[in-house]
C-alpha atoms as a PDB file:
ATOM      1  CA  MET A   1       0.000   0.000   0.000  1.00  0.00           C
ATOM      2  CA  ASN A   2       1.235   3.465  -0.878  1.00  0.00           C
ATOM      3  CA  ASN A   3       2.025   5.584   2.161  1.00  0.00           C
ATOM      4  CA  PRO A   4       2.058   9.205   0.906  1.00  0.00           C
ATOM      5  CA  LYS A   5       4.417  11.638   2.569  1.00  0.00           C
ATOM      6  CA  PRO A   6       4.468  15.426   2.503  1.00  0.00           C
ATOM      7  CA  LYS A   7       7.007  17.220   0.312  1.00  0.00           C
ATOM      8  CA  ALA A   8       8.193  19.208   3.301  1.00  0.00           C
ATOM      9  CA  THR A   9       7.438  20.119   6.884  1.00  0.00           C
ATOM     10  CA  ILE A  10       7.726  23.893   7.021  1.00  0.00           C
ATOM     11  CA  MET A  11       6.792  24.458  10.662  1.00  0.00           C
ATOM     12  CA  ASP A  12       7.204  22.191  13.662  1.00  0.00           C
ATOM     13  CA  ASP A  13       5.660  22.500  17.124  1.00  0.00           C
ATOM     14  CA  VAL A  14       8.249  25.031  18.319  1.00  0.00           C
ATOM     15  CA  ALA A  15       7.835  27.246  15.241  1.00  0.00           C
ATOM     16  CA  MET A  16       4.049  27.140  15.558  1.00  0.00           C
ATOM     17  CA  ARG A  17       4.203  28.103  19.248  1.00  0.00           C
ATOM     18  CA  ARG A  18       6.482  31.030  18.406  1.00  0.00           C
ATOM     19  CA  ALA A  19       4.083  32.154  15.675  1.00  0.00           C
ATOM     20  CA  VAL A  20       1.095  31.970  18.040  1.00  0.00           C
ATOM     21  CA  THR A  21       2.953  34.013  20.665  1.00  0.00           C
ATOM     22  CA  ARG A  22       3.908  36.649  18.070  1.00  0.00           C
ATOM     23  CA  ILE A  23       0.346  36.829  16.688  1.00  0.00           C
ATOM     24  CA  ALA A  24      -1.042  37.212  20.230  1.00  0.00           C
ATOM     25  CA  HIS A  25       1.345  40.109  20.908  1.00  0.00           C
ATOM     26  CA  GLU A  26       0.429  41.727  17.564  1.00  0.00           C
ATOM     27  CA  ILE A  27      -3.305  41.438  18.323  1.00  0.00           C
ATOM     28  CA  LEU A  28      -2.774  43.063  21.723  1.00  0.00           C
ATOM     29  CA  GLU A  29      -0.630  45.838  20.289  1.00  0.00           C
ATOM     30  CA  HIS A  30      -3.026  46.557  17.428  1.00  0.00           C
ATOM     31  CA  ASN A  31      -6.057  46.662  19.758  1.00  0.00           C
ATOM     32  CA  GLU A  32      -4.310  48.348  22.695  1.00  0.00           C
ATOM     33  CA  GLY A  33      -4.978  45.375  24.975  1.00  0.00           C
ATOM     34  CA  ALA A  34      -7.572  42.639  25.207  1.00  0.00           C
ATOM     35  CA  ASP A  35     -10.517  44.567  26.674  1.00  0.00           C
ATOM     36  CA  SER A  36     -12.461  44.958  23.427  1.00  0.00           C
ATOM     37  CA  VAL A  37     -11.201  41.840  21.593  1.00  0.00           C
ATOM     38  CA  ASP A  38     -13.035  38.576  20.934  1.00  0.00           C
ATOM     39  CA  LEU A  39     -11.924  35.706  18.705  1.00  0.00           C
ATOM     40  CA  VAL A  40     -14.058  33.745  16.260  1.00  0.00           C
ATOM     41  CA  GLY A  41     -12.599  30.568  14.773  1.00  0.00           C
ATOM     42  CA  ILE A  42     -13.714  29.406  11.358  1.00  0.00           C
ATOM     43  CA  VAL A  43     -14.710  25.721  11.418  1.00  0.00           C
ATOM     44  CA  SER A  44     -12.768  23.511  11.552  1.00  0.00           C
ATOM     45  CA  ARG A  45      -9.099  24.235  12.272  1.00  0.00           C
ATOM     46  CA  GLY A  46      -9.704  27.909  12.996  1.00  0.00           C
ATOM     47  CA  VAL A  47     -11.632  26.949  16.127  1.00  0.00           C
ATOM     48  CA  PRO A  48      -8.782  25.276  18.051  1.00  0.00           C
ATOM     49  CA  LEU A  49      -6.384  27.955  16.771  1.00  0.00           C
ATOM     50  CA  ALA A  50      -8.680  30.650  18.197  1.00  0.00           C
ATOM     51  CA  ASP A  51      -8.721  28.836  21.536  1.00  0.00           C
ATOM     52  CA  ILE A  52      -4.919  28.555  21.548  1.00  0.00           C
ATOM     53  CA  LEU A  53      -4.611  32.276  20.741  1.00  0.00           C
ATOM     54  CA  SER A  54      -7.091  33.165  23.465  1.00  0.00           C
ATOM     55  CA  ARG A  55      -5.054  31.222  26.044  1.00  0.00           C
ATOM     56  CA  GLU A  56      -1.837  32.880  24.842  1.00  0.00           C
ATOM     57  CA  ILE A  57      -3.405  36.354  25.070  1.00  0.00           C
ATOM     58  CA  ALA A  58      -4.535  35.522  28.626  1.00  0.00           C
ATOM     59  CA  GLU A  59      -0.964  34.504  29.526  1.00  0.00           C
ATOM     60  CA  ILE A  60       0.367  37.830  28.235  1.00  0.00           C
ATOM     61  CA  GLU A  61      -2.415  40.218  29.239  1.00  0.00           C
ATOM     62  CA  GLY A  62      -4.158  38.518  32.163  1.00  0.00           C
ATOM     63  CA  LYS A  63      -7.516  38.724  30.374  1.00  0.00           C
ATOM     64  CA  ARG A  64      -8.798  35.933  28.152  1.00  0.00           C
ATOM     65  CA  PRO A  65     -10.814  36.987  25.098  1.00  0.00           C
ATOM     66  CA  SER A  66     -14.066  35.156  24.441  1.00  0.00           C
ATOM     67  CA  VAL A  67     -13.956  32.558  21.680  1.00  0.00           C
ATOM     68  CA  GLY A  68     -16.714  31.727  19.234  1.00  0.00           C
ATOM     69  CA  LYS A  69     -17.028  29.193  16.455  1.00  0.00           C
ATOM     70  CA  LEU A  70     -18.350  30.031  12.976  1.00  0.00           C
ATOM     71  CA  ASP A  71     -19.657  27.508  10.448  1.00  0.00           C
ATOM     72  CA  ILE A  72     -19.709  28.974   6.936  1.00  0.00           C
ATOM     73  CA  SER A  73     -21.147  25.949   5.082  1.00  0.00           C
ATOM     74  CA  PHE A  74     -24.214  27.756   3.723  1.00  0.00           C
ATOM     75  CA  TYR A  75     -22.338  30.967   2.947  1.00  0.00           C
ATOM     76  CA  ARG A  76     -19.808  29.422   0.564  1.00  0.00           C
ATOM     77  CA  ASP A  77     -20.059  30.398  -3.085  1.00  0.00           C
ATOM     78  CA  ASP A  78     -19.262  26.808  -4.098  1.00  0.00           C
ATOM     79  CA  ILE A  79     -22.098  25.193  -2.111  1.00  0.00           C
ATOM     80  CA  SER A  80     -23.883  24.210  -5.336  1.00  0.00           C
ATOM     81  CA  ARG A  81     -20.924  21.911  -6.140  1.00  0.00           C
ATOM     82  CA  SER A  82     -21.222  20.122  -2.797  1.00  0.00           C
ATOM     83  CA  ILE A  83     -23.930  17.473  -2.658  1.00  0.00           C
ATOM     84  CA  ALA A  84     -24.201  17.415   1.132  1.00  0.00           C
ATOM     85  CA  PRO A  85     -22.062  19.943   2.998  1.00  0.00           C
ATOM     86  CA  VAL A  86     -20.910  18.870   6.433  1.00  0.00           C
ATOM     87  CA  LEU A  87     -22.678  21.099   8.927  1.00  0.00           C
ATOM     88  CA  HIS A  88     -21.217  22.224  12.238  1.00  0.00           C
ATOM     89  CA  ALA A  89     -22.897  24.325  14.857  1.00  0.00           C
ATOM     90  CA  THR A  90     -22.060  28.004  14.934  1.00  0.00           C
ATOM     91  CA  ASN A  91     -21.624  29.136  18.514  1.00  0.00           C
ATOM     92  CA  ILE A  92     -20.855  32.780  19.251  1.00  0.00           C
ATOM     93  CA  PRO A  93     -21.855  33.097  22.918  1.00  0.00           C
ATOM     94  CA  PHE A  94     -21.176  36.825  23.171  1.00  0.00           C
ATOM     95  CA  ASP A  95     -22.408  40.056  21.616  1.00  0.00           C
ATOM     96  CA  ILE A  96     -20.170  41.044  18.679  1.00  0.00           C
ATOM     97  CA  ASN A  97     -21.647  44.539  18.345  1.00  0.00           C
ATOM     98  CA  ASN A  98     -19.037  47.281  18.713  1.00  0.00           C
ATOM     99  CA  ARG A  99     -16.308  44.712  19.487  1.00  0.00           C
ATOM    100  CA  ASN A 100     -12.989  44.071  17.733  1.00  0.00           C
ATOM    101  CA  ILE A 101     -13.491  40.617  16.279  1.00  0.00           C
ATOM    102  CA  VAL A 102     -10.494  38.591  15.156  1.00  0.00           C
ATOM    103  CA  LEU A 103     -11.494  35.893  12.677  1.00  0.00           C
ATOM    104  CA  VAL A 104      -9.080  32.975  12.985  1.00  0.00           C
ATOM    105  CA  ASP A 105      -8.333  30.353  10.339  1.00  0.00           C
ATOM    106  CA  ASP A 106      -5.517  27.970   9.525  1.00  0.00           C
ATOM    107  CA  VAL A 107      -4.703  28.812   5.885  1.00  0.00           C
ATOM    108  CA  LEU A 108      -5.478  31.855   3.749  1.00  0.00           C
ATOM    109  CA  TYR A 109      -5.405  30.980   0.059  1.00  0.00           C
ATOM    110  CA  THR A 110      -7.985  32.363  -2.393  1.00  0.00           C
ATOM    111  CA  GLY A 111      -9.880  34.446   0.181  1.00  0.00           C
ATOM    112  CA  ARG A 112     -13.223  32.770  -0.518  1.00  0.00           C
ATOM    113  CA  THR A 113     -13.500  31.195   2.933  1.00  0.00           C
ATOM    114  CA  VAL A 114     -12.877  34.542   4.596  1.00  0.00           C
ATOM    115  CA  ARG A 115     -15.439  36.253   2.359  1.00  0.00           C
ATOM    116  CA  SER A 116     -17.976  33.617   3.400  1.00  0.00           C
ATOM    117  CA  ALA A 117     -17.014  34.068   7.047  1.00  0.00           C
ATOM    118  CA  LEU A 118     -17.544  37.832   6.803  1.00  0.00           C
ATOM    119  CA  ASP A 119     -21.030  37.266   5.379  1.00  0.00           C
ATOM    120  CA  ALA A 120     -21.858  34.778   8.141  1.00  0.00           C
ATOM    121  CA  LEU A 121     -20.437  36.997  10.894  1.00  0.00           C
ATOM    122  CA  MET A 122     -22.529  39.988   9.833  1.00  0.00           C
ATOM    123  CA  ASP A 123     -25.675  37.945  10.543  1.00  0.00           C
ATOM    124  CA  PHE A 124     -24.690  38.164  14.232  1.00  0.00           C
ATOM    125  CA  GLY A 125     -24.271  41.924  14.468  1.00  0.00           C
ATOM    126  CA  ARG A 126     -22.005  44.809  13.594  1.00  0.00           C
ATOM    127  CA  PRO A 127     -18.501  44.604  15.035  1.00  0.00           C
ATOM    128  CA  ARG A 128     -16.356  47.730  15.457  1.00  0.00           C
ATOM    129  CA  THR A 129     -13.642  46.014  13.399  1.00  0.00           C
ATOM    130  CA  VAL A 130     -13.048  42.608  11.877  1.00  0.00           C
ATOM    131  CA  GLN A 131      -9.427  41.499  11.741  1.00  0.00           C
ATOM    132  CA  LEU A 132      -8.005  38.287  10.319  1.00  0.00           C
ATOM    133  CA  ALA A 133      -5.400  36.008  11.911  1.00  0.00           C
ATOM    134  CA  VAL A 134      -4.085  32.979  10.021  1.00  0.00           C
ATOM    135  CA  MET A 135      -1.294  30.532  10.689  1.00  0.00           C
ATOM    136  CA  ILE A 136      -0.368  30.341   6.981  1.00  0.00           C
ATOM    137  CA  ASP A 137      -0.807  32.822   4.131  1.00  0.00           C
ATOM    138  CA  ARG A 138       0.006  31.103   0.874  1.00  0.00           C
ATOM    139  CA  GLY A 139      -0.953  33.905  -1.539  1.00  0.00           C
ATOM    140  CA  HIS A 140      -2.936  33.266  -4.751  1.00  0.00           C
ATOM    141  CA  ARG A 141      -5.784  35.573  -3.736  1.00  0.00           C
ATOM    142  CA  GLU A 142      -8.898  35.643  -5.945  1.00  0.00           C
ATOM    143  CA  LEU A 143     -10.541  38.314  -3.790  1.00  0.00           C
ATOM    144  CA  PRO A 144      -9.166  41.531  -2.238  1.00  0.00           C
ATOM    145  CA  ILE A 145      -8.648  40.025   1.223  1.00  0.00           C
ATOM    146  CA  ARG A 146      -5.523  40.169   3.361  1.00  0.00           C
ATOM    147  CA  ALA A 147      -4.621  38.890   6.798  1.00  0.00           C
ATOM    148  CA  ASP A 148      -3.815  41.321   9.597  1.00  0.00           C
ATOM    149  CA  PHE A 149      -1.837  38.725  11.558  1.00  0.00           C
ATOM    150  CA  VAL A 150       0.127  35.914   9.866  1.00  0.00           C
ATOM    151  CA  GLY A 151       2.140  33.093  11.393  1.00  0.00           C
ATOM    152  CA  LYS A 152       4.105  32.426   8.212  1.00  0.00           C
ATOM    153  CA  ASN A 153       3.909  33.396   4.543  1.00  0.00           C
ATOM    154  CA  VAL A 154       4.354  30.290   2.413  1.00  0.00           C
ATOM    155  CA  PRO A 155       4.706  30.823  -1.326  1.00  0.00           C
ATOM    156  CA  SER A 156       3.296  27.700  -2.950  1.00  0.00           C
ATOM    157  CA  SER A 157       2.022  26.581  -6.310  1.00  0.00           C
ATOM    158  CA  HIS A 158      -1.563  25.742  -7.213  1.00  0.00           C
ATOM    159  CA  SER A 159      -0.481  22.087  -7.517  1.00  0.00           C
ATOM    160  CA  GLU A 160       0.415  22.018  -3.821  1.00  0.00           C
ATOM    161  CA  ASP A 161      -1.675  21.910  -0.663  1.00  0.00           C
ATOM    162  CA  VAL A 162      -0.566  23.389   2.643  1.00  0.00           C
ATOM    163  CA  ARG A 163      -1.892  21.671   5.739  1.00  0.00           C
ATOM    164  CA  VAL A 164      -1.890  22.877   9.315  1.00  0.00           C
ATOM    165  CA  HIS A 165      -1.854  19.976  11.772  1.00  0.00           C
ATOM    166  CA  LEU A 166      -3.036  20.667  15.306  1.00  0.00           C
ATOM    167  CA  LYS A 167      -2.456  18.526  18.364  1.00  0.00           C
ATOM    168  CA  GLU A 168      -6.144  18.868  19.303  1.00  0.00           C
ATOM    169  CA  ILE A 169      -7.238  17.304  15.991  1.00  0.00           C
ATOM    170  CA  ASP A 170      -4.244  15.495  14.482  1.00  0.00           C
ATOM    171  CA  GLY A 171      -2.078  14.601  17.481  1.00  0.00           C
ATOM    172  CA  ASP A 172       0.794  16.939  16.551  1.00  0.00           C
ATOM    173  CA  ASN A 173       1.479  20.567  15.689  1.00  0.00           C
ATOM    174  CA  SER A 174       3.085  21.079  12.296  1.00  0.00           C
ATOM    175  CA  VAL A 175       2.602  22.610   8.867  1.00  0.00           C
ATOM    176  CA  THR A 176       3.278  20.477   5.811  1.00  0.00           C
ATOM    177  CA  ILE A 177       3.262  20.947   2.044  1.00  0.00           C
ATOM    178  CA  TRP A 178       1.839  18.185  -0.156  1.00  0.00           C
ATOM    179  CA  ASP A 179       1.660  17.551  -3.873  1.00  0.00           C
ATOM    180  CA  LYS A 180      -2.090  17.489  -4.505  1.00  0.00           C
ATOM    181  CA  ALA A 181      -1.720  14.339  -6.594  1.00  0.00           C
ATOM    182  CA  ALA A 182      -0.090  12.461  -3.674  1.00  0.00           C
ATOM    183  CA  MET A 183      -2.254  13.781  -0.822  1.00  0.00           C
ATOM    184  CA  PRO A 184      -4.188  11.488   1.476  1.00  0.00           C
ATOM    185  CA  ALA A 185      -7.916  12.231   1.679  1.00  0.00           C
ATOM    186  CA  LYS A 186      -8.226  14.646   4.580  1.00  0.00           C
ATOM    187  CA  GLY A 187      -9.780  18.111   4.979  1.00  0.00           C
ATOM    188  CA  GLY A 188      -8.512  20.557   2.371  1.00  0.00           C
ATOM    189  CA  ASN A 189      -7.433  24.140   2.672  1.00  0.00           C
ATOM    190  CA  ARG A 190      -8.936  27.177   1.125  1.00  0.00           C
END
């Protein structure tokens, strides 16, 4: 049986922890503290990343931002191509009105996931600002969307896939690059 392997591991656990710490500091600096900041993770890997960031911000600032979870399944512009989208519960247990909301996701690629997340978020209220934090920005934008906080910029080709592995889901923290043709079937990146 063929056991596919990634082309490269571009971040290990230590590099990811450093990136999370830097992003947390940047969020605090940009928002002048944590008092008006809440985090909303985009399902699926954005949710544990948002929780990790919230804990890191609490370590630095002494105040832990609230964390919500946003399912964008019905907001995607490619939903007509999906026969049965996998649905997850959206849970934003706080008022987003007049707050600085940091959307959190694992990989920023075309920008379509973030556009969908913005549409979904606006159904919950009107934040003061919406900022974007991602572990990986791989370029190739199809929409005018940029991340405010980035763990690592990873130039990659369209024939590659960049995957963020999280201990909470995958058992380890790492970022790998795969040839799409050799990838195992596992959640894709946007």
